[in-house]
Amino acid sequence: MAGVYTMSMAEDLLPDDILIAMMGPPDSGKDRILDVVLQGARTGGQVLSQSPLPGIQIHIIISTVRSQRLVLAYFADFDDVNNVAVLQGISHWLKATYERGLRLTGILYTHRISDIAPKIWNLKDLFIFGRLCGDRALARTVIVTTMWNEVDKSKGESHERMMIEISWEEMLKRGCRIARFDDTFRSATGILDKLIDSDGEKEPLLVQEELVDLKMLWNETQAGRLLYASWHVALKEDKARLKDTQQGPDAELIRERMRWGTLAMKELEIPPERYSVLPFAKEKTIEMVKWIPFCQNNFSC
């Protein structure tokens, strides 16, 4: 029977480990893919699992089929009041792995095929994904469409074509690929193999270069600045809503969200003394993310 063990943040990773990150908006299917992969892996091997930091689950799969260990880094979504802690955790782990000379083999970005309209919470995860990874990581990224059993196949294919036109076209031009997950272990491992068998150099992620090479703080990165901008917009909108809803449960929910937003912006705020070192770093990184759609209209990024 396979064992389940604990592991530390990055020290237990090996130089030849296959590192794959899993990202995506809420309820987009990445939990299901992870469950299917881990269930299948436990039947013929070992799985070492732990959540070393907020927003991250690390699963090391040791199998008899592959000589190298497969490491799945599950990143939580950003549609939550705790998204500052999530970004901190993800940034810290990516920094630690890069400092140890480890680079991601690839990235899975999940999308529920029944979601056709670019909802704002889905876009937030897509935007932050772009700010974390940068342009060069797209060549090692697979957009995984999920939950095909919830829609008619022809309708799902129509949704897929429309998402390419609305959100994914620029990503595909930069080497990103699309795959369909049909809720089976064979499908999941086939998608993982697309990344594992990919040719090309493993480039560092944008946030890794910002944190390690440019010595930026986590909240100074493009992802941190985008999250700050999203909270700024949310607070502005909540203040406007509160003028129309002064009493009742809705008003209290708005006030609670505003309290969270104020705390989040304080954590994300860049200290004044850091501004003198940021311009040179911004010049080196700002041109690395060109494909993010709708960004100017939604988060002022």
Foldseek 3Di string as FASTA:
>chain_A
DADEAEDALAVPDDQQAAEEEEFFFPPQCPVLLVVQQVVVLRVAFYWYWDDNFPQWIWIWGDGPVDPHIYIYIYGHAQPDLCNLRSLVRVLVSLQVCVVVVHFHLAYEYGGALVDQDCDPSRLLRVVLVCLFAFLQRLLLYEYEYEDPVVDDVVSSVVSVVNCCVAWNVVSVVSNHHYAYDPSHNVRSVVVVVVSVVDDDDRDRGLSNCCCPVLVDDSLLGPSNVLVLLLLVVLLVVLVVVCVVPVDDPVNVVSVVSNVSSVVSNVVSDDDPVCVVSNPVVCVVRVPRRDRRPPSCVRRVD
